[in-house]
Amino acid sequence: MENKSNLLVGPDDKVGLVESGFLGLQHVLAMDIYVPPIILAGMMAMSLPDQMGLLQSTFLAAGIGTILQTYFFMKMPVSQGPSFVPLGAAAGVVLASGGVKGNGMGNLIGALLIGSIILIIMGATGIFQKIISKLVPALVGGTIITCVGLSLIPSALNDNIFKASGNINNNIILASITALTLLIAVGISMHFPSVRRFFRTGSIILALAVGTIFSTLMGIFDWKTVSDAAWFSLPQRTVFHYGIHFSASAIITFIIIYAVITTETTGTWFAMGAVTNHEISKKQWNMGIIGEGFSCLIASLLGTTPVTGYSTNAGIISITGVASKRVFLFAGIWFAILGFFSKLSAFLAAIPAPVIGGVFAIICVTIMLNGLNVIRNLHTTDRDLYIIGLPIILTLALVLLPTSVTKQAPQLLQYLLGSPIAIAAVSAILLNLLMPKVKEAVSKTKTA
């Protein structure tokens, strides 16, 4: 009940259209979904038109996927975004098949289509829910949530602040100002009930606005890219531009990638259930994976990588207290708008990484704490300490693992090493299955 009372706006609560639009935009601004396509474009040496096309397709796919999941399939406040997991594999498939100008993108689209259809079949047949109910009890789910947040913290600090472009001191100052603004807004909402709703629900957009203002004053915000961008353009780099080709090796590769992504998404859904105090039903598990499949199917047809349940969802809800499905519907609409209005997407992409990092770091911590809250409410035994502890160790180990070690590993192992969440989930599941439950049974007997 604690989580429920902590929400200002529940999933089914009605929110006015204007406020929903504002809060939906805030959710979009807090999600750095433009980062994966920009990274992928660089890996594939894309031209500027191809890069903008990839960015537009990603926004549009995320928007359509968010609306599908929130209102038609899973029916929970879930926003979709591009996963980092398939980037290396996607670039490898494209470059091995003649690059962007050859059959590379066509082979990638074909492999993505097959993988997404498999997800839809898993949900339609009920296989997915049976796997979850057997392998992921509350203890394992809470551990996975904790590892989701933990795995994202180094990225928030390193990629967005310490290792981001620009002067590191300026980056730290800018991230600190943004994070401090967020904390002040949340603090005001706690101390002054009369303005609680405004400052808590708008805390993230206030922080990003202040961060943007300061980055402009510091000469860090690149307004030229915004002014040079066209106001409106249709996504050009879709399946109609690249075509569809089927490569056996690419398909096998992406069936494996989809398995890893699905493991990550499961952790994200557990986190959403925890923060909204909602137990995901059997039907929702199956409908959710069907929605995931359709989201990925649409993304592939639009010429971009899979869009899945985004890890920052739960953290944003924890901070703002807003879990309204109507707000998430507007987030989906904003994403779709960004797919057509180039200047708006250029502005979002121009927000300096430290500004995003200042907010993102706090979001990651709230996700991790939600996982620990799930575990805290359970009666744990000696065996459970290892089920919780080892995945946390593995998460940190993979986050800190030097890239030189990862690159020396076989290709399949590289995909797994690049996804700490997937490794944490698999290890928690295996430990829960293999660790003996004798002590727990003895304890129950004594209690009886």
Protein backbone atom coordinates (compact mmCIF):
# COMPACT_ATOMS: atom_id res chain seq x y z
CA MET A 1 0.00 0.00 0.00
CA GLU A 2 2.97 2.26 0.50
CA ASN A 3 3.64 2.59 -3.21
CA LYS A 4 0.00 3.30 -3.96
CA SER A 5 -0.21 6.15 -1.44
CA ASN A 6 3.01 7.55 -2.85
CA LEU A 7 1.39 8.14 -6.25
CA LEU A 8 -0.25 11.48 -6.87
CA VAL A 9 -1.98 10.17 -9.99
CA GLY A 10 -2.83 6.48 -10.40
CA PRO A 11 -2.88 4.59 -13.72
CA ASP A 12 -6.66 4.97 -14.19
CA ASP A 13 -7.01 8.47 -12.72
CA LYS A 14 -8.30 11.12 -15.09
CA VAL A 15 -6.00 14.03 -15.87
CA GLY A 16 -7.00 17.10 -17.89
CA LEU A 17 -5.89 17.25 -21.51
CA VAL A 18 -3.58 20.25 -21.03
CA GLU A 19 -1.93 18.79 -17.93
CA SER A 20 -1.65 15.38 -19.62
CA GLY A 21 0.09 17.00 -22.58
CA PHE A 22 2.52 18.83 -20.31
CA LEU A 23 3.31 15.76 -18.19
CA GLY A 24 3.60 13.56 -21.28
CA LEU A 25 6.18 15.96 -22.73
CA GLN A 26 8.08 15.86 -19.44
CA HIS A 27 8.23 12.07 -19.65
CA VAL A 28 9.60 12.30 -23.18
CA LEU A 29 12.24 14.86 -22.17
CA ALA A 30 13.44 12.65 -19.34
CA MET A 31 14.01 9.70 -21.69
CA ASP A 32 17.20 9.80 -23.74
CA ILE A 33 15.79 7.69 -26.56
CA TYR A 34 17.67 9.70 -29.16
CA VAL A 35 21.01 8.35 -27.87
CA PRO A 36 20.87 4.74 -29.25
CA PRO A 37 20.06 5.79 -32.85
CA ILE A 38 22.81 8.43 -32.77
CA ILE A 39 25.31 5.82 -31.52
CA LEU A 40 24.17 3.31 -34.15
CA ALA A 41 24.39 5.90 -36.93
CA GLY A 42 28.00 6.56 -35.93
CA MET A 43 28.84 2.84 -35.87
CA MET A 44 27.47 2.43 -39.40
CA ALA A 45 29.05 5.66 -40.71
CA MET A 46 25.65 6.93 -41.84
CA SER A 47 25.28 10.11 -43.86
CA LEU A 48 23.42 13.02 -42.25
CA PRO A 49 20.13 12.28 -44.13
CA ASP A 50 20.34 8.61 -43.08
CA GLN A 51 21.09 9.60 -39.50
CA MET A 52 18.12 12.01 -39.32
CA GLY A 53 15.95 9.33 -40.93
CA LEU A 54 16.97 6.80 -38.28
CA LEU A 55 16.26 9.31 -35.51
CA GLN A 56 12.83 10.16 -36.91
CA SER A 57 11.90 6.48 -37.34
CA THR A 58 12.94 5.75 -33.76
CA PHE A 59 10.78 8.54 -32.36
CA LEU A 60 7.79 7.45 -34.46
CA ALA A 61 8.19 3.77 -33.53
CA ALA A 62 8.49 4.65 -29.83
CA GLY A 63 5.32 6.74 -30.06
CA ILE A 64 3.25 4.07 -31.78
CA GLY A 65 4.62 1.35 -29.47
CA THR A 66 3.84 3.40 -26.34
CA ILE A 67 0.23 3.95 -27.42
CA LEU A 68 -0.21 0.27 -28.35
CA GLN A 69 1.16 -1.02 -25.03
CA THR A 70 -0.59 1.50 -22.79
CA TYR A 71 -4.06 1.34 -24.30
CA PHE A 72 -4.41 -1.86 -26.31
CA PHE A 73 -2.07 -4.61 -25.14
CA MET A 74 -0.49 -4.53 -21.67
CA LYS A 75 -2.78 -1.69 -20.55
CA MET A 76 -0.23 -0.37 -18.07
CA PRO A 77 1.60 2.97 -18.14
CA VAL A 78 4.53 1.78 -20.24
CA SER A 79 6.53 3.86 -22.71
CA GLN A 80 8.66 2.22 -25.37
CA GLY A 81 12.16 3.17 -26.41
CA PRO A 82 15.18 1.75 -28.28
CA SER A 83 17.31 -0.74 -26.39
CA PHE A 84 21.11 -0.42 -26.32
CA VAL A 85 21.49 -4.22 -26.49
CA PRO A 86 21.14 -4.74 -30.28
CA LEU A 87 23.34 -1.85 -31.41
CA GLY A 88 26.55 -3.85 -31.90
CA ALA A 89 24.74 -6.72 -33.61
CA ALA A 90 22.77 -4.34 -35.84
CA ALA A 91 25.91 -2.56 -36.98
CA GLY A 92 27.61 -5.92 -37.55
CA VAL A 93 24.77 -7.23 -39.75
CA VAL A 94 24.64 -4.02 -41.80
CA LEU A 95 28.39 -3.66 -42.31
CA ALA A 96 28.79 -7.36 -43.17
CA SER A 97 26.19 -7.03 -45.93
CA GLY A 98 27.52 -4.09 -47.89
CA GLY A 99 26.74 -1.31 -45.44
CA VAL A 100 23.84 1.11 -45.51
CA LYS A 101 24.10 1.57 -49.29
CA GLY A 102 24.12 -2.18 -49.93
CA ASN A 103 21.75 -4.86 -48.62
CA GLY A 104 22.79 -4.28 -45.02
CA MET A 105 19.69 -2.48 -43.79
CA GLY A 106 17.46 -4.85 -45.76
CA ASN A 107 19.04 -7.86 -44.01
CA LEU A 108 18.66 -6.13 -40.65
CA ILE A 109 14.98 -5.37 -41.27
CA GLY A 110 14.33 -8.99 -42.32
CA ALA A 111 15.97 -10.37 -39.15
CA LEU A 112 14.07 -7.90 -36.94
CA LEU A 113 10.77 -8.88 -38.54
CA ILE A 114 11.30 -12.60 -37.83
CA GLY A 115 12.28 -11.90 -34.21
CA SER A 116 9.24 -9.70 -33.57
CA ILE A 117 6.88 -12.32 -35.02
CA ILE A 118 8.34 -14.90 -32.60
CA LEU A 119 7.53 -12.56 -29.68
CA ILE A 120 3.94 -12.21 -30.86
CA ILE A 121 3.59 -16.01 -31.10
CA MET A 122 4.99 -16.44 -27.56
CA GLY A 123 2.31 -14.14 -26.20
CA ALA A 124 -0.54 -15.49 -28.32
CA THR A 125 0.15 -19.10 -27.25
CA GLY A 126 0.58 -18.18 -23.55
CA ILE A 127 4.12 -19.57 -23.43
CA PHE A 128 5.62 -16.35 -22.12
CA GLN A 129 3.45 -16.10 -18.99
CA LYS A 130 4.10 -19.75 -18.13
CA ILE A 131 7.83 -19.09 -18.28
CA ILE A 132 7.50 -16.02 -16.04
CA SER A 133 5.25 -17.67 -13.43
CA LYS A 134 7.58 -20.66 -13.12
CA LEU A 135 10.93 -18.93 -13.20
CA VAL A 136 10.38 -15.43 -11.73
CA PRO A 137 8.85 -15.33 -8.23
CA ALA A 138 8.80 -12.08 -6.22
CA LEU A 139 12.33 -12.60 -4.85
CA VAL A 140 13.81 -12.98 -8.33
CA GLY A 141 11.66 -10.12 -9.66
CA GLY A 142 12.81 -7.75 -6.90
CA THR A 143 16.44 -8.71 -7.54
CA ILE A 144 16.07 -8.03 -11.27
CA ILE A 145 14.50 -4.60 -10.58
CA THR A 146 17.40 -3.73 -8.26
CA CYS A 147 19.92 -4.75 -10.92
CA VAL A 148 18.09 -2.72 -13.60
CA GLY A 149 18.62 0.48 -11.61
CA LEU A 150 22.12 -0.46 -10.52
CA SER A 151 23.26 -1.21 -14.08
CA LEU A 152 22.07 2.18 -15.34
CA ILE A 153 23.80 4.36 -12.69
CA PRO A 154 27.34 4.09 -14.19
CA SER A 155 25.94 4.98 -17.61
CA ALA A 156 24.17 8.02 -16.18
CA LEU A 157 27.39 9.22 -14.54
CA ASN A 158 30.06 8.15 -17.05
CA ASP A 159 28.40 8.45 -20.46
CA ASN A 160 26.37 11.54 -19.64
CA ILE A 161 28.73 13.43 -17.33
CA PHE A 162 32.32 12.28 -16.75
CA LYS A 163 33.03 10.95 -20.27
CA ALA A 164 30.62 13.19 -22.19
CA SER A 165 32.02 15.68 -24.71
CA GLY A 166 33.16 19.02 -23.34
CA ASN A 167 35.03 20.13 -20.24
CA ILE A 168 34.54 17.65 -17.40
CA ASN A 169 34.34 20.40 -14.78
CA ASN A 170 31.59 22.18 -16.71
CA ASN A 171 29.80 18.87 -17.15
CA ILE A 172 29.86 18.19 -13.41
CA ILE A 173 28.65 21.72 -12.63
CA LEU A 174 25.81 21.47 -15.16
CA ALA A 175 24.72 18.01 -13.98
CA SER A 176 24.84 19.17 -10.36
CA ILE A 177 22.69 22.22 -11.09
CA THR A 178 20.13 20.07 -12.89
CA ALA A 179 20.05 17.41 -10.13
CA LEU A 180 19.85 20.08 -7.41
CA THR A 181 16.91 21.74 -9.17
CA LEU A 182 15.12 18.39 -9.24
CA LEU A 183 15.76 17.80 -5.53
CA ILE A 184 14.63 21.34 -4.62
CA ALA A 185 11.40 20.88 -6.59
CA VAL A 186 10.70 17.54 -4.84
CA GLY A 187 11.63 19.09 -1.47
CA ILE A 188 9.21 21.98 -2.00
CA SER A 189 6.46 19.51 -2.87
CA MET A 190 7.07 17.70 0.44
CA HIS A 191 7.14 20.81 2.63
CA PHE A 192 4.29 22.79 1.04
CA PRO A 193 1.20 20.62 0.42
CA SER A 194 -0.62 23.44 -1.39
CA VAL A 195 1.88 23.32 -4.28
CA ARG A 196 2.79 19.65 -3.94
CA ARG A 197 1.17 18.55 -7.19
CA PHE A 198 2.78 21.25 -9.34
CA PHE A 199 6.33 20.88 -8.03
CA ARG A 200 6.36 17.08 -7.82
CA THR A 201 4.65 16.31 -11.13
CA GLY A 202 6.69 19.00 -12.90
CA SER A 203 9.98 18.38 -11.10
CA ILE A 204 11.77 16.76 -14.04
CA ILE A 205 10.78 19.32 -16.66
CA LEU A 206 11.71 22.13 -14.24
CA ALA A 207 15.15 20.55 -13.76
CA LEU A 208 15.66 20.12 -17.51
CA ALA A 209 14.54 23.70 -18.17
CA VAL A 210 16.98 25.11 -15.61
CA GLY A 211 19.74 22.86 -16.98
CA THR A 212 19.04 24.06 -20.53
CA ILE A 213 19.12 27.72 -19.44
CA PHE A 214 22.43 27.29 -17.62
CA SER A 215 23.94 25.30 -20.50
CA THR A 216 23.00 28.19 -22.82
CA LEU A 217 24.63 30.72 -20.48
CA MET A 218 27.74 28.51 -20.33
CA GLY A 219 27.84 28.29 -24.14
CA ILE A 220 27.34 24.53 -24.14
CA PHE A 221 23.89 24.26 -25.75
CA ASP A 222 24.19 24.01 -29.54
CA TRP A 223 21.36 26.19 -30.82
CA LYS A 224 22.78 26.18 -34.37
CA THR A 225 21.72 22.57 -35.01
CA VAL A 226 18.22 23.52 -33.89
CA SER A 227 18.02 26.59 -36.13
CA ASP A 228 19.41 24.68 -39.12
CA ALA A 229 16.90 21.82 -38.81
CA ALA A 230 13.80 21.81 -41.02
CA TRP A 231 10.47 22.34 -39.30
CA PHE A 232 8.72 19.38 -40.84
CA SER A 233 9.71 16.28 -42.79
CA LEU A 234 8.38 12.78 -43.35
CA PRO A 235 10.50 9.77 -42.30
CA GLN A 236 12.32 8.77 -45.49
CA ARG A 237 14.53 5.85 -44.41
CA THR A 238 11.91 3.12 -43.97
CA VAL A 239 11.41 -0.37 -45.39
CA PHE A 240 10.30 1.27 -48.65
CA HIS A 241 13.75 2.81 -48.97
CA TYR A 242 15.88 -0.14 -47.82
CA GLY A 243 13.75 -3.13 -48.85
CA ILE A 244 13.58 -6.50 -47.04
CA HIS A 245 16.14 -9.29 -47.33
CA PHE A 246 16.49 -12.46 -45.29
CA SER A 247 19.87 -13.73 -44.10
CA ALA A 248 20.03 -16.91 -42.01
CA SER A 249 22.99 -15.71 -39.93
CA ALA A 250 21.33 -12.33 -39.27
CA ILE A 251 18.06 -14.03 -38.25
CA ILE A 252 19.79 -16.41 -35.82
CA THR A 253 21.75 -13.51 -34.37
CA PHE A 254 18.62 -11.49 -33.71
CA ILE A 255 16.62 -14.37 -32.26
CA ILE A 256 19.34 -14.45 -29.58
CA ILE A 257 19.24 -10.64 -29.28
CA TYR A 258 15.47 -10.69 -28.81
CA ALA A 259 15.85 -13.26 -26.01
CA VAL A 260 18.23 -10.89 -24.20
CA ILE A 261 15.98 -7.87 -24.80
CA THR A 262 12.92 -9.76 -23.52
CA THR A 263 14.78 -10.58 -20.31
CA GLU A 264 15.52 -6.88 -19.83
CA THR A 265 11.93 -5.91 -20.58
CA THR A 266 10.69 -8.37 -17.98
CA GLY A 267 12.76 -6.56 -15.37
CA THR A 268 11.32 -3.22 -16.51
CA TRP A 269 7.76 -4.52 -16.20
CA PHE A 270 8.47 -5.85 -12.70
CA ALA A 271 9.75 -2.39 -11.78
CA MET A 272 6.59 -0.77 -13.16
CA GLY A 273 4.43 -3.19 -11.20
CA ALA A 274 6.35 -2.42 -8.02
CA VAL A 275 6.18 1.37 -8.32
CA THR A 276 2.45 1.35 -9.19
CA ASN A 277 1.70 -1.33 -6.56
CA HIS A 278 0.15 -3.50 -9.25
CA GLU A 279 0.54 -7.26 -9.64
CA ILE A 280 0.79 -8.05 -13.33
CA SER A 281 -1.84 -10.62 -14.30
CA LYS A 282 -1.29 -13.69 -16.48
CA LYS A 283 -3.21 -12.03 -19.31
CA GLN A 284 -1.13 -8.85 -19.01
CA TRP A 285 2.13 -10.80 -19.29
CA ASN A 286 0.98 -12.43 -22.52
CA MET A 287 -0.63 -9.28 -23.94
CA GLY A 288 2.49 -7.32 -22.97
CA ILE A 289 4.80 -9.56 -24.99
CA ILE A 290 2.36 -9.40 -27.93
CA GLY A 291 2.49 -5.60 -27.68
CA GLU A 292 6.27 -5.79 -27.46
CA GLY A 293 6.29 -7.88 -30.63
CA PHE A 294 4.08 -5.46 -32.52
CA SER A 295 6.19 -2.49 -31.31
CA CYS A 296 9.32 -4.18 -32.63
CA LEU A 297 7.54 -5.13 -35.85
CA ILE A 298 6.57 -1.52 -36.50
CA ALA A 299 10.08 -0.34 -35.61
CA SER A 300 11.61 -2.74 -38.15
CA LEU A 301 9.23 -1.60 -40.91
CA LEU A 302 10.16 2.00 -40.10
CA GLY A 303 13.84 1.09 -40.50
CA THR A 304 15.03 1.26 -36.89
CA THR A 305 16.05 -1.10 -34.08
CA PRO A 306 13.56 -2.68 -31.61
CA VAL A 307 11.63 -0.39 -29.26
CA THR A 308 10.93 -2.08 -25.92
CA GLY A 309 9.71 -1.19 -22.42
CA TYR A 310 12.11 1.57 -21.35
CA SER A 311 14.00 1.12 -18.07
CA THR A 312 13.52 4.72 -16.90
CA ASN A 313 9.72 4.42 -16.74
CA ALA A 314 9.55 3.34 -13.12
CA GLY A 315 12.09 5.92 -11.98
CA ILE A 316 10.22 8.80 -13.59
CA ILE A 317 6.95 7.68 -11.99
CA SER A 318 8.66 7.39 -8.58
CA ILE A 319 9.90 10.96 -8.78
CA THR A 320 6.81 12.63 -10.26
CA GLY A 321 4.14 10.42 -8.69
CA VAL A 322 2.32 10.35 -12.03
CA ALA A 323 1.31 6.96 -13.45
CA SER A 324 -1.72 8.00 -15.48
CA LYS A 325 -2.22 6.03 -18.68
CA ARG A 326 -3.57 9.21 -20.26
CA VAL A 327 -0.24 10.92 -19.60
CA PHE A 328 1.57 7.99 -21.23
CA LEU A 329 -0.81 8.23 -24.18
CA PHE A 330 0.31 11.84 -24.63
CA ALA A 331 3.94 10.76 -24.24
CA GLY A 332 3.34 8.44 -27.18
CA ILE A 333 1.76 11.29 -29.15
CA TRP A 334 4.77 13.53 -28.40
CA PHE A 335 7.14 10.81 -29.59
CA ALA A 336 5.17 10.51 -32.82
CA ILE A 337 5.24 14.30 -33.27
CA LEU A 338 9.02 14.23 -32.87
CA GLY A 339 9.08 11.75 -35.74
CA PHE A 340 7.66 14.40 -38.08
CA PHE A 341 8.80 17.76 -36.64
CA SER A 342 12.51 17.78 -37.25
CA LYS A 343 13.22 21.02 -35.39
CA LEU A 344 11.64 19.72 -32.20
CA SER A 345 13.61 16.46 -32.38
CA ALA A 346 16.76 18.48 -33.10
CA PHE A 347 16.13 20.53 -29.93
CA LEU A 348 15.73 17.38 -27.85
CA ALA A 349 18.90 15.88 -29.31
CA ALA A 350 20.76 19.16 -28.60
CA ILE A 351 20.09 19.09 -24.84
CA PRO A 352 23.60 18.57 -23.38
CA ALA A 353 24.31 15.10 -22.00
CA PRO A 354 25.16 16.42 -18.48
CA VAL A 355 21.66 17.94 -18.20
CA ILE A 356 20.12 14.55 -18.98
CA GLY A 357 22.66 12.84 -16.72
CA GLY A 358 21.77 14.97 -13.70
CA VAL A 359 18.17 13.77 -13.88
CA PHE A 360 18.95 10.29 -15.16
CA ALA A 361 21.20 9.42 -12.20
CA ILE A 362 18.41 10.12 -9.71
CA ILE A 363 15.92 8.17 -11.82
CA CYS A 364 18.25 5.15 -11.78
CA VAL A 365 18.55 5.25 -7.99
CA THR A 366 14.77 5.27 -7.56
CA ILE A 367 14.47 2.19 -9.81
CA MET A 368 17.07 0.36 -7.70
CA LEU A 369 15.33 1.33 -4.44
CA ASN A 370 11.98 0.09 -5.76
CA GLY A 371 13.58 -3.31 -6.28
CA LEU A 372 15.00 -3.30 -2.75
CA ASN A 373 11.55 -2.38 -1.42
CA VAL A 374 10.09 -5.48 -3.06
CA ILE A 375 12.77 -7.64 -1.43
CA ARG A 376 12.41 -5.90 1.94
CA ASN A 377 8.76 -6.95 2.23
CA LEU A 378 9.64 -10.65 1.77
CA HIS A 379 10.68 -13.18 4.41
CA THR A 380 14.20 -14.10 3.31
CA THR A 381 16.36 -17.07 4.30
CA ASP A 382 20.08 -17.80 4.03
CA ARG A 383 19.73 -19.11 0.45
CA ASP A 384 17.93 -15.94 -0.60
CA LEU A 385 20.92 -13.79 0.32
CA TYR A 386 22.93 -15.47 -2.44
CA ILE A 387 20.06 -15.21 -4.92
CA ILE A 388 19.99 -11.46 -4.26
CA GLY A 389 23.71 -10.87 -3.80
CA LEU A 390 25.34 -12.72 -6.69
CA PRO A 391 23.31 -11.00 -9.45
CA ILE A 392 24.23 -7.63 -7.92
CA ILE A 393 27.91 -8.58 -7.98
CA LEU A 394 27.63 -9.77 -11.60
CA THR A 395 25.85 -6.54 -12.58
CA LEU A 396 28.67 -4.42 -11.16
CA ALA A 397 31.31 -6.73 -12.63
CA LEU A 398 29.89 -6.44 -16.16
CA VAL A 399 29.44 -2.68 -15.87
CA LEU A 400 33.09 -2.32 -14.82
CA LEU A 401 34.42 -4.97 -17.24
CA PRO A 402 36.96 -3.42 -19.65
CA THR A 403 35.75 -3.28 -23.25
CA SER A 404 39.01 -4.92 -24.37
CA VAL A 405 37.94 -8.12 -22.55
CA THR A 406 34.45 -8.01 -24.05
CA LYS A 407 35.80 -7.64 -27.60
CA GLN A 408 37.96 -10.75 -27.22
CA ALA A 409 34.94 -12.92 -26.34
CA PRO A 410 32.92 -14.91 -28.93
CA GLN A 411 30.15 -12.91 -30.61
CA LEU A 412 27.27 -14.56 -28.70
CA LEU A 413 29.03 -13.99 -25.40
CA GLN A 414 29.59 -10.34 -26.33
CA TYR A 415 25.83 -9.80 -26.57
CA LEU A 416 25.35 -11.20 -23.08
CA LEU A 417 28.32 -9.34 -21.59
CA GLY A 418 26.87 -6.16 -23.04
CA SER A 419 23.63 -6.65 -21.09
CA PRO A 420 24.23 -6.77 -17.32
CA ILE A 421 20.46 -6.90 -16.75
CA ALA A 422 20.10 -10.09 -18.80
CA ILE A 423 23.02 -11.77 -16.98
CA ALA A 424 21.61 -10.69 -13.59
CA ALA A 425 18.17 -12.04 -14.49
CA VAL A 426 19.49 -15.37 -15.72
CA SER A 427 21.75 -15.81 -12.68
CA ALA A 428 18.91 -14.97 -10.25
CA ILE A 429 16.59 -17.46 -12.00
CA LEU A 430 19.22 -20.25 -12.01
CA LEU A 431 20.19 -19.67 -8.38
CA ASN A 432 16.55 -19.77 -7.32
CA LEU A 433 16.12 -23.09 -9.14
CA LEU A 434 19.36 -24.68 -7.99
CA MET A 435 19.89 -23.46 -4.42
CA PRO A 436 18.41 -26.03 -1.99
CA LYS A 437 15.36 -25.01 0.02
CA VAL A 438 16.01 -27.38 2.94
CA LYS A 439 16.66 -24.66 5.53
CA GLU A 440 13.54 -22.80 4.49
CA ALA A 441 11.46 -25.96 4.86
CA VAL A 442 12.93 -26.67 8.33
CA SER A 443 12.16 -23.10 9.37
CA LYS A 444 8.54 -23.46 8.27
CA THR A 445 8.22 -26.75 10.16
CA LYS A 446 9.49 -25.21 13.38
CA THR A 447 7.14 -22.27 12.98
CA ALA A 448 4.21 -24.65 12.51
